[in-house]
PDB file of N, CA and C in Angstrom:
ATOM      1  N   MET A   1     -18.341  16.624 -14.759  1.00  0.00           N
ATOM      2  CA  MET A   1     -18.727  16.219 -13.423  1.00  0.00           C
ATOM      3  C   MET A   1     -19.074  14.733 -13.393  1.00  0.00           C
ATOM      4  N   LYS A   2     -19.757  14.235 -14.431  1.00  0.00           N
ATOM      5  CA  LYS A   2     -20.124  12.823 -14.481  1.00  0.00           C
ATOM      6  C   LYS A   2     -18.880  11.938 -14.505  1.00  0.00           C
ATOM      7  N   LYS A   3     -17.837  12.414 -15.204  1.00  0.00           N
ATOM      8  CA  LYS A   3     -16.589  11.652 -15.282  1.00  0.00           C
ATOM      9  C   LYS A   3     -15.943  11.531 -13.905  1.00  0.00           C
ATOM     10  N   ILE A   4     -15.957  12.622 -13.142  1.00  0.00           N
ATOM     11  CA  ILE A   4     -15.386  12.612 -11.791  1.00  0.00           C
ATOM     12  C   ILE A   4     -16.168  11.670 -10.890  1.00  0.00           C
ATOM     13  N   VAL A   5     -17.486  11.730 -10.969  1.00  0.00           N
ATOM     14  CA  VAL A   5     -18.334  10.850 -10.154  1.00  0.00           C
ATOM     15  C   VAL A   5     -18.097   9.388 -10.520  1.00  0.00           C
ATOM     16  N   ALA A   6     -17.990   9.091 -11.809  1.00  0.00           N
ATOM     17  CA  ALA A   6     -17.741   7.715 -12.265  1.00  0.00           C
ATOM     18  C   ALA A   6     -16.398   7.218 -11.753  1.00  0.00           C
ATOM     19  N   GLU A   7     -15.383   8.077 -11.766  1.00  0.00           N
ATOM     20  CA  GLU A   7     -14.051   7.699 -11.277  1.00  0.00           C
ATOM     21  C   GLU A   7     -14.094   7.391  -9.781  1.00  0.00           C
ATOM     22  N   GLU A   8     -14.806   8.209  -9.022  1.00  0.00           N
ATOM     23  CA  GLU A   8     -14.908   7.994  -7.579  1.00  0.00           C
ATOM     24  C   GLU A   8     -15.703   6.735  -7.246  1.00  0.00           C
ATOM     25  N   LYS A   9     -16.705   6.403  -8.055  1.00  0.00           N
ATOM     26  CA  LYS A   9     -17.496   5.197  -7.807  1.00  0.00           C
ATOM     27  C   LYS A   9     -16.646   3.932  -7.939  1.00  0.00           C
ATOM     28  N   LYS A  10     -15.596   4.004  -8.758  1.00  0.00           N
ATOM     29  CA  LYS A  10     -14.708   2.855  -8.900  1.00  0.00           C
ATOM     30  C   LYS A  10     -14.006   2.537  -7.588  1.00  0.00           C
ATOM     31  N   HIS A  11     -13.909   3.550  -6.706  1.00  0.00           N
ATOM     32  CA  HIS A  11     -13.206   3.377  -5.432  1.00  0.00           C
ATOM     33  C   HIS A  11     -14.157   3.127  -4.267  1.00  0.00           C
ATOM     34  N   GLU A  12     -15.451   2.955  -4.560  1.00  0.00           N
ATOM     35  CA  GLU A  12     -16.418   2.755  -3.481  1.00  0.00           C
ATOM     36  C   GLU A  12     -16.097   1.501  -2.686  1.00  0.00           C
ATOM     37  N   LEU A  13     -16.468   1.546  -1.423  1.00  0.00           N
ATOM     38  CA  LEU A  13     -16.208   0.438  -0.521  1.00  0.00           C
ATOM     39  C   LEU A  13     -16.988  -0.804  -0.946  1.00  0.00           C
ATOM     40  N   ASN A  14     -16.277  -1.879  -1.211  1.00  0.00           N
ATOM     41  CA  ASN A  14     -16.862  -3.170  -1.538  1.00  0.00           C
ATOM     42  C   ASN A  14     -16.016  -4.216  -0.838  1.00  0.00           C
ATOM     43  N   ALA A  15     -16.193  -4.296   0.470  1.00  0.00           N
ATOM     44  CA  ALA A  15     -15.363  -5.179   1.286  1.00  0.00           C
ATOM     45  C   ALA A  15     -15.514  -6.638   0.879  1.00  0.00           C
ATOM     46  N   ASP A  16     -16.721  -7.073   0.525  1.00  0.00           N
ATOM     47  CA  ASP A  16     -16.928  -8.473   0.146  1.00  0.00           C
ATOM     48  C   ASP A  16     -16.123  -8.833  -1.102  1.00  0.00           C
ATOM     49  N   GLY A  17     -16.147  -7.959  -2.099  1.00  0.00           N
ATOM     50  CA  GLY A  17     -15.383  -8.211  -3.315  1.00  0.00           C
ATOM     51  C   GLY A  17     -13.893  -8.251  -3.039  1.00  0.00           C
ATOM     52  N   PHE A  18     -13.413  -7.335  -2.189  1.00  0.00           N
ATOM     53  CA  PHE A  18     -11.992  -7.307  -1.847  1.00  0.00           C
ATOM     54  C   PHE A  18     -11.595  -8.572  -1.102  1.00  0.00           C
ATOM     55  N   LEU A  19     -12.439  -9.022  -0.182  1.00  0.00           N
ATOM     56  CA  LEU A  19     -12.135 -10.241   0.579  1.00  0.00           C
ATOM     57  C   LEU A  19     -12.100 -11.477  -0.318  1.00  0.00           C
ATOM     58  N   GLN A  20     -12.885 -11.497  -1.365  1.00  0.00           N
ATOM     59  CA  GLN A  20     -12.820 -12.611  -2.321  1.00  0.00           C
ATOM     60  C   GLN A  20     -11.446 -12.677  -2.977  1.00  0.00           C
ATOM     61  N   ILE A  21     -10.914 -11.518  -3.342  1.00  0.00           N
ATOM     62  CA  ILE A  21      -9.573 -11.473  -3.936  1.00  0.00           C
ATOM     63  C   ILE A  21      -8.532 -11.914  -2.908  1.00  0.00           C
ATOM     64  N   VAL A  22      -8.667 -11.437  -1.674  1.00  0.00           N
ATOM     65  CA  VAL A  22      -7.715 -11.795  -0.618  1.00  0.00           C
ATOM     66  C   VAL A  22      -7.713 -13.298  -0.398  1.00  0.00           C
ATOM     67  N   ARG A  23      -8.888 -13.901  -0.341  1.00  0.00           N
ATOM     68  CA  ARG A  23      -8.965 -15.353  -0.142  1.00  0.00           C
ATOM     69  C   ARG A  23      -8.310 -16.115  -1.292  1.00  0.00           C
ATOM     70  N   LYS A  24      -8.508 -15.627  -2.506  1.00  0.00           N
ATOM     71  CA  LYS A  24      -7.949 -16.290  -3.682  1.00  0.00           C
ATOM     72  C   LYS A  24      -6.422 -16.289  -3.640  1.00  0.00           C
ATOM     73  N   TYR A  25      -5.836 -15.202  -3.126  1.00  0.00           N
ATOM     74  CA  TYR A  25      -4.385 -15.064  -3.133  1.00  0.00           C
ATOM     75  C   TYR A  25      -3.784 -15.114  -1.723  1.00  0.00           C
ATOM     76  N   SER A  26      -4.416 -15.811  -0.809  1.00  0.00           N
ATOM     77  CA  SER A  26      -3.961 -15.802   0.586  1.00  0.00           C
ATOM     78  C   SER A  26      -2.659 -16.567   0.807  1.00  0.00           C
ATOM     79  N   GLU A  27      -2.310 -17.460  -0.081  1.00  0.00           N
ATOM     80  CA  GLU A  27      -1.092 -18.257   0.126  1.00  0.00           C
ATOM     81  C   GLU A  27      -0.101 -18.096  -1.021  1.00  0.00           C
ATOM     82  N   ILE A  28       0.074 -16.882  -1.506  1.00  0.00           N
ATOM     83  CA  ILE A  28       1.016 -16.657  -2.598  1.00  0.00           C
ATOM     84  C   ILE A  28       2.449 -16.736  -2.074  1.00  0.00           C
ATOM     85  N   GLU A  29       3.336 -17.203  -2.913  1.00  0.00           N
ATOM     86  CA  GLU A  29       4.739 -17.285  -2.525  1.00  0.00           C
ATOM     87  C   GLU A  29       5.566 -16.209  -3.209  1.00  0.00           C
ATOM     88  N   LYS A  30       5.060 -15.685  -4.327  1.00  0.00           N
ATOM     89  CA  LYS A  30       5.782 -14.660  -5.064  1.00  0.00           C
ATOM     90  C   LYS A  30       4.782 -13.615  -5.545  1.00  0.00           C
ATOM     91  N   LEU A  31       5.085 -12.358  -5.262  1.00  0.00           N
ATOM     92  CA  LEU A  31       4.212 -11.272  -5.684  1.00  0.00           C
ATOM     93  C   LEU A  31       4.525 -10.921  -7.132  1.00  0.00           C
ATOM     94  N   THR A  32       3.531 -11.063  -7.989  1.00  0.00           N
ATOM     95  CA  THR A  32       3.718 -10.790  -9.414  1.00  0.00           C
ATOM     96  C   THR A  32       2.937  -9.550  -9.821  1.00  0.00           C
ATOM     97  N   PHE A  33       3.240  -9.056 -11.013  1.00  0.00           N
ATOM     98  CA  PHE A  33       2.537  -7.888 -11.542  1.00  0.00           C
ATOM     99  C   PHE A  33       1.039  -8.180 -11.679  1.00  0.00           C
ATOM    100  N   ASP A  34       0.691  -9.382 -12.122  1.00  0.00           N
ATOM    101  CA  ASP A  34      -0.723  -9.752 -12.273  1.00  0.00           C
ATOM    102  C   ASP A  34      -1.467  -9.708 -10.942  1.00  0.00           C
ATOM    103  N   ILE A  35      -0.824 -10.180  -9.885  1.00  0.00           N
ATOM    104  CA  ILE A  35      -1.462 -10.160  -8.566  1.00  0.00           C
ATOM    105  C   ILE A  35      -1.628  -8.719  -8.093  1.00  0.00           C
ATOM    106  N   LEU A  36      -0.611  -7.889  -8.309  1.00  0.00           N
ATOM    107  CA  LEU A  36      -0.719  -6.479  -7.926  1.00  0.00           C
ATOM    108  C   LEU A  36      -1.877  -5.805  -8.643  1.00  0.00           C
ATOM    109  N   GLN A  37      -2.072  -6.127  -9.924  1.00  0.00           N
ATOM    110  CA  GLN A  37      -3.176  -5.538 -10.680  1.00  0.00           C
ATOM    111  C   GLN A  37      -4.526  -5.935 -10.101  1.00  0.00           C
ATOM    112  N   LYS A  38      -4.625  -7.113  -9.510  1.00  0.00           N
ATOM    113  CA  LYS A  38      -5.881  -7.547  -8.895  1.00  0.00           C
ATOM    114  C   LYS A  38      -6.195  -6.746  -7.636  1.00  0.00           C
ATOM    115  N   PHE A  39      -5.159  -6.326  -6.885  1.00  0.00           N
ATOM    116  CA  PHE A  39      -5.350  -5.647  -5.611  1.00  0.00           C
ATOM    117  C   PHE A  39      -5.331  -4.132  -5.691  1.00  0.00           C
ATOM    118  N   ILE A  40      -4.518  -3.561  -6.589  1.00  0.00           N
ATOM    119  CA  ILE A  40      -4.263  -2.121  -6.570  1.00  0.00           C
ATOM    120  C   ILE A  40      -4.890  -1.434  -7.770  1.00  0.00           C
ATOM    121  N   ASP A  41      -5.613  -0.359  -7.486  1.00  0.00           N
ATOM    122  CA  ASP A  41      -6.254   0.437  -8.531  1.00  0.00           C
ATOM    123  C   ASP A  41      -5.283   1.487  -9.065  1.00  0.00           C
ATOM    124  N   LYS A  42      -4.658   2.234  -8.142  1.00  0.00           N
ATOM    125  CA  LYS A  42      -3.674   3.229  -8.558  1.00  0.00           C
ATOM    126  C   LYS A  42      -2.757   3.568  -7.389  1.00  0.00           C
ATOM    127  N   ILE A  43      -1.587   4.131  -7.741  1.00  0.00           N
ATOM    128  CA  ILE A  43      -0.611   4.583  -6.747  1.00  0.00           C
ATOM    129  C   ILE A  43      -0.266   6.027  -7.087  1.00  0.00           C
ATOM    130  N   VAL A  44      -0.380   6.904  -6.094  1.00  0.00           N
ATOM    131  CA  VAL A  44      -0.052   8.315  -6.275  1.00  0.00           C
ATOM    132  C   VAL A  44       1.215   8.600  -5.467  1.00  0.00           C
ATOM    133  N   VAL A  45       2.268   9.074  -6.160  1.00  0.00           N
ATOM    134  CA  VAL A  45       3.544   9.389  -5.514  1.00  0.00           C
ATOM    135  C   VAL A  45       3.722  10.901  -5.526  1.00  0.00           C
ATOM    136  N   HIS A  46       3.895  11.489  -4.347  1.00  0.00           N
ATOM    137  CA  HIS A  46       4.044  12.933  -4.204  1.00  0.00           C
ATOM    138  C   HIS A  46       5.523  13.329  -4.233  1.00  0.00           C
ATOM    139  N   HIS A  47       5.779  14.622  -4.356  1.00  0.00           N
ATOM    140  CA  HIS A  47       7.150  15.142  -4.321  1.00  0.00           C
ATOM    141  C   HIS A  47       7.755  14.936  -2.940  1.00  0.00           C
ATOM    142  N   CYS A  48       9.089  14.860  -2.894  1.00  0.00           N
ATOM    143  CA  CYS A  48       9.795  14.756  -1.616  1.00  0.00           C
ATOM    144  C   CYS A  48       9.646  16.053  -0.830  1.00  0.00           C
ATOM    145  N   GLU A  49       9.554  15.917   0.481  1.00  0.00           N
ATOM    146  CA  GLU A  49       9.503  17.062   1.385  1.00  0.00           C
ATOM    147  C   GLU A  49      10.496  16.821   2.503  1.00  0.00           C
ATOM    148  N   GLU A  50      11.006  17.888   3.056  1.00  0.00           N
ATOM    149  CA  GLU A  50      11.855  17.738   4.230  1.00  0.00           C
ATOM    150  C   GLU A  50      11.054  18.186   5.441  1.00  0.00           C
ATOM    151  N   ILE A  51      10.853  17.260   6.369  1.00  0.00           N
ATOM    152  CA  ILE A  51      10.063  17.529   7.566  1.00  0.00           C
ATOM    153  C   ILE A  51      10.927  17.204   8.777  1.00  0.00           C
ATOM    154  N   MET A  52      11.227  18.222   9.564  1.00  0.00           N
ATOM    155  CA  MET A  52      12.045  18.084  10.776  1.00  0.00           C
ATOM    156  C   MET A  52      13.359  17.342  10.487  1.00  0.00           C
ATOM    157  N   GLY A  53      14.018  17.726   9.397  1.00  0.00           N
ATOM    158  CA  GLY A  53      15.316  17.163   9.067  1.00  0.00           C
ATOM    159  C   GLY A  53      15.272  15.805   8.399  1.00  0.00           C
ATOM    160  N   GLU A  54      14.098  15.300   8.108  1.00  0.00           N
ATOM    161  CA  GLU A  54      13.951  13.985   7.486  1.00  0.00           C
ATOM    162  C   GLU A  54      13.261  14.155   6.133  1.00  0.00           C
ATOM    163  N   THR A  55      13.835  13.526   5.098  1.00  0.00           N
ATOM    164  CA  THR A  55      13.232  13.582   3.777  1.00  0.00           C
ATOM    165  C   THR A  55      12.089  12.578   3.715  1.00  0.00           C
ATOM    166  N   VAL A  56      10.929  13.071   3.313  1.00  0.00           N
ATOM    167  CA  VAL A  56       9.718  12.251   3.304  1.00  0.00           C
ATOM    168  C   VAL A  56       9.072  12.320   1.925  1.00  0.00           C
ATOM    169  N   LYS A  57       8.616  11.175   1.436  1.00  0.00           N
ATOM    170  CA  LYS A  57       7.861  11.144   0.187  1.00  0.00           C
ATOM    171  C   LYS A  57       6.547  10.425   0.485  1.00  0.00           C
ATOM    172  N   LYS A  58       5.462  11.139   0.326  1.00  0.00           N
ATOM    173  CA  LYS A  58       4.141  10.563   0.603  1.00  0.00           C
ATOM    174  C   LYS A  58       3.709   9.713  -0.590  1.00  0.00           C
ATOM    175  N   ILE A  59       3.246   8.516  -0.301  1.00  0.00           N
ATOM    176  CA  ILE A  59       2.744   7.596  -1.324  1.00  0.00           C
ATOM    177  C   ILE A  59       1.354   7.146  -0.906  1.00  0.00           C
ATOM    178  N   GLU A  60       0.391   7.289  -1.807  1.00  0.00           N
ATOM    179  CA  GLU A  60      -0.982   6.859  -1.537  1.00  0.00           C
ATOM    180  C   GLU A  60      -1.285   5.658  -2.421  1.00  0.00           C
ATOM    181  N   ILE A  61      -1.743   4.586  -1.799  1.00  0.00           N
ATOM    182  CA  ILE A  61      -2.113   3.385  -2.547  1.00  0.00           C
ATOM    183  C   ILE A  61      -3.633   3.249  -2.483  1.00  0.00           C
ATOM    184  N   TYR A  62      -4.260   3.188  -3.652  1.00  0.00           N
ATOM    185  CA  TYR A  62      -5.710   3.016  -3.750  1.00  0.00           C
ATOM    186  C   TYR A  62      -5.983   1.562  -4.132  1.00  0.00           C
ATOM    187  N   TYR A  63      -6.589   0.834  -3.214  1.00  0.00           N
ATOM    188  CA  TYR A  63      -6.868  -0.581  -3.422  1.00  0.00           C
ATOM    189  C   TYR A  63      -8.182  -0.753  -4.176  1.00  0.00           C
ATOM    190  N   LYS A  64      -8.277  -1.806  -4.970  1.00  0.00           N
ATOM    191  CA  LYS A  64      -9.518  -2.104  -5.689  1.00  0.00           C
ATOM    192  C   LYS A  64     -10.625  -2.340  -4.680  1.00  0.00           C
ATOM    193  N   MET A  65     -11.755  -1.784  -4.935  1.00  0.00           N
ATOM    194  CA  MET A  65     -13.001  -1.978  -4.188  1.00  0.00           C
ATOM    195  C   MET A  65     -13.035  -1.370  -2.800  1.00  0.00           C
ATOM    196  N   ILE A  66     -11.904  -0.918  -2.257  1.00  0.00           N
ATOM    197  CA  ILE A  66     -11.954  -0.295  -0.930  1.00  0.00           C
ATOM    198  C   ILE A  66     -11.298   1.071  -0.888  1.00  0.00           C
ATOM    199  N   GLY A  67     -10.586   1.457  -1.936  1.00  0.00           N
ATOM    200  CA  GLY A  67     -10.009   2.793  -2.007  1.00  0.00           C
ATOM    201  C   GLY A  67      -8.746   2.968  -1.193  1.00  0.00           C
ATOM    202  N   HIS A  68      -8.490   4.214  -0.828  1.00  0.00           N
ATOM    203  CA  HIS A  68      -7.272   4.584  -0.096  1.00  0.00           C
ATOM    204  C   HIS A  68      -7.462   4.342   1.389  1.00  0.00           C
ATOM    205  N   ILE A  69      -6.463   3.737   2.007  1.00  0.00           N
ATOM    206  CA  ILE A  69      -6.490   3.508   3.449  1.00  0.00           C
ATOM    207  C   ILE A  69      -5.372   4.336   4.060  1.00  0.00           C
ATOM    208  N   GLU A  70      -5.706   5.209   4.978  1.00  0.00           N
ATOM    209  CA  GLU A  70      -4.711   6.057   5.631  1.00  0.00           C
ATOM    210  C   GLU A  70      -4.060   5.270   6.764  1.00  0.00           C
ATOM    211  N   ILE A  71      -2.768   5.073   6.660  1.00  0.00           N
ATOM    212  CA  ILE A  71      -2.022   4.338   7.685  1.00  0.00           C
ATOM    213  C   ILE A  71      -1.457   5.356   8.669  1.00  0.00           C
ATOM    214  N   PRO A  72      -1.640   5.130   9.973  1.00  0.00           N
ATOM    215  CA  PRO A  72      -1.152   6.099  10.961  1.00  0.00           C
ATOM    216  C   PRO A  72       0.369   6.268  10.861  1.00  0.00           C
ATOM    217  N   LYS A  73       0.838   7.475  11.144  1.00  0.00           N
ATOM    218  CA  LYS A  73       2.273   7.747  11.111  1.00  0.00           C
ATOM    219  C   LYS A  73       2.962   7.052  12.278  1.00  0.00           C
ATOM    220  N   MET A  74       4.177   6.586  12.020  1.00  0.00           N
ATOM    221  CA  MET A  74       4.951   5.868  13.014  1.00  0.00           C
ATOM    222  C   MET A  74       5.922   6.836  13.701  1.00  0.00           C
ATOM    223  N   LYS A  75       6.107   6.671  14.982  1.00  0.00           N
ATOM    224  CA  LYS A  75       7.108   7.473  15.682  1.00  0.00           C
ATOM    225  C   LYS A  75       8.497   7.018  15.245  1.00  0.00           C
ATOM    226  N   LYS A  76       9.471   7.914  15.358  1.00  0.00           N
ATOM    227  CA  LYS A  76      10.817   7.660  14.855  1.00  0.00           C
ATOM    228  C   LYS A  76      11.439   6.405  15.476  1.00  0.00           C
ATOM    229  N   LEU A  77      11.302   6.213  16.781  1.00  0.00           N
ATOM    230  CA  LEU A  77      11.885   5.054  17.453  1.00  0.00           C
ATOM    231  C   LEU A  77      11.296   3.747  16.918  1.00  0.00           C
ATOM    232  N   LYS A  78       9.978   3.719  16.760  1.00  0.00           N
ATOM    233  CA  LYS A  78       9.311   2.529  16.247  1.00  0.00           C
ATOM    234  C   LYS A  78       9.735   2.264  14.800  1.00  0.00           C
ATOM    235  N   LYS A  79       9.855   3.327  14.006  1.00  0.00           N
ATOM    236  CA  LYS A  79      10.279   3.200  12.624  1.00  0.00           C
ATOM    237  C   LYS A  79      11.687   2.608  12.542  1.00  0.00           C
ATOM    238  N   GLU A  80      12.599   3.106  13.378  1.00  0.00           N
ATOM    239  CA  GLU A  80      13.972   2.585  13.397  1.00  0.00           C
ATOM    240  C   GLU A  80      13.986   1.110  13.790  1.00  0.00           C
ATOM    241  N   ARG A  81      13.135   0.736  14.730  1.00  0.00           N
ATOM    242  CA  ARG A  81      13.051  -0.657  15.164  1.00  0.00           C
ATOM    243  C   ARG A  81      12.591  -1.554  14.009  1.00  0.00           C
ATOM    244  N   TYR A  82      11.567  -1.116  13.262  1.00  0.00           N
ATOM    245  CA  TYR A  82      11.083  -1.880  12.113  1.00  0.00           C
ATOM    246  C   TYR A  82      12.163  -2.020  11.042  1.00  0.00           C
ATOM    247  N   ILE A  83      12.873  -0.936  10.784  1.00  0.00           N
ATOM    248  CA  ILE A  83      13.943  -0.990   9.782  1.00  0.00           C
ATOM    249  C   ILE A  83      14.996  -1.999  10.199  1.00  0.00           C
ATOM    250  N   LYS A  84      15.357  -1.991  11.465  1.00  0.00           N
ATOM    251  CA  LYS A  84      16.362  -2.932  11.974  1.00  0.00           C
ATOM    252  C   LYS A  84      15.870  -4.373  11.840  1.00  0.00           C
ATOM    253  N   ILE A  85      14.631  -4.647  12.221  1.00  0.00           N
ATOM    254  CA  ILE A  85      14.074  -5.999  12.154  1.00  0.00           C
ATOM    255  C   ILE A  85      13.986  -6.485  10.716  1.00  0.00           C
ATOM    256  N   PHE A  86      13.411  -5.659   9.840  1.00  0.00           N
ATOM    257  CA  PHE A  86      13.215  -6.098   8.464  1.00  0.00           C
ATOM    258  C   PHE A  86      14.528  -6.173   7.699  1.00  0.00           C
ATOM    259  N   SER A  87      15.497  -5.338   8.030  1.00  0.00           N
ATOM    260  CA  SER A  87      16.813  -5.419   7.392  1.00  0.00           C
ATOM    261  C   SER A  87      17.490  -6.728   7.776  1.00  0.00           C
ATOM    262  N   ARG A  88      17.349  -7.124   9.022  1.00  0.00           N
ATOM    263  CA  ARG A  88      17.945  -8.377   9.502  1.00  0.00           C
ATOM    264  C   ARG A  88      17.280  -9.561   8.809  1.00  0.00           C
ATOM    265  N   GLN A  89      15.943  -9.535   8.693  1.00  0.00           N
ATOM    266  CA  GLN A  89      15.226 -10.634   8.034  1.00  0.00           C
ATOM    267  C   GLN A  89      15.618 -10.732   6.579  1.00  0.00           C
ATOM    268  N   ARG A  90      15.759  -9.609   5.913  1.00  0.00           N
ATOM    269  CA  ARG A  90      16.138  -9.597   4.491  1.00  0.00           C
ATOM    270  C   ARG A  90      17.557 -10.175   4.336  1.00  0.00           C
ATOM    271  N   ALA A  91      18.462  -9.802   5.238  1.00  0.00           N
ATOM    272  CA  ALA A  91      19.829 -10.318   5.182  1.00  0.00           C
ATOM    273  C   ALA A  91      19.837 -11.841   5.380  1.00  0.00           C
ATOM    274  N   GLU A  92      18.979 -12.331   6.273  1.00  0.00           N
ATOM    275  CA  GLU A  92      18.894 -13.775   6.513  1.00  0.00           C
ATOM    276  C   GLU A  92      18.342 -14.499   5.291  1.00  0.00           C
ATOM    277  N   GLN A  93      17.415 -13.890   4.581  1.00  0.00           N
ATOM    278  CA  GLN A  93      16.839 -14.512   3.381  1.00  0.00           C
ATOM    279  C   GLN A  93      17.876 -14.605   2.277  1.00  0.00           C
ATOM    280  N   ILE A  94      18.727 -13.598   2.164  1.00  0.00           N
ATOM    281  CA  ILE A  94      19.738 -13.579   1.110  1.00  0.00           C
ATOM    282  C   ILE A  94      20.829 -14.608   1.401  1.00  0.00           C
ATOM    283  N   ALA A  95      21.186 -14.771   2.665  1.00  0.00           N
ATOM    284  CA  ALA A  95      22.278 -15.679   3.060  1.00  0.00           C
ATOM    285  C   ALA A  95      21.962 -17.128   2.849  1.00  0.00           C
TER     286      ALA A  95
END
């Protein structure tokens, strides 16, 4: 039980500490493994599921000092719009 409690305490909310890291890396040009280690505590990847004809894989990201943040689900139309926008931006960066 003590081990479980100790593990959970590592994820306790420490917004000030997290903001210090954010300020330090606010103008990065390239995301490196070292920078990811500063921000992310762990990543949990779940099995694929099929939900309403769409294959979905849930991924939970636990950030250092603030833990897991639940991001609201996006409606299909909004999701398609984001994919279109970001695909276009990525194509422009490559060109």
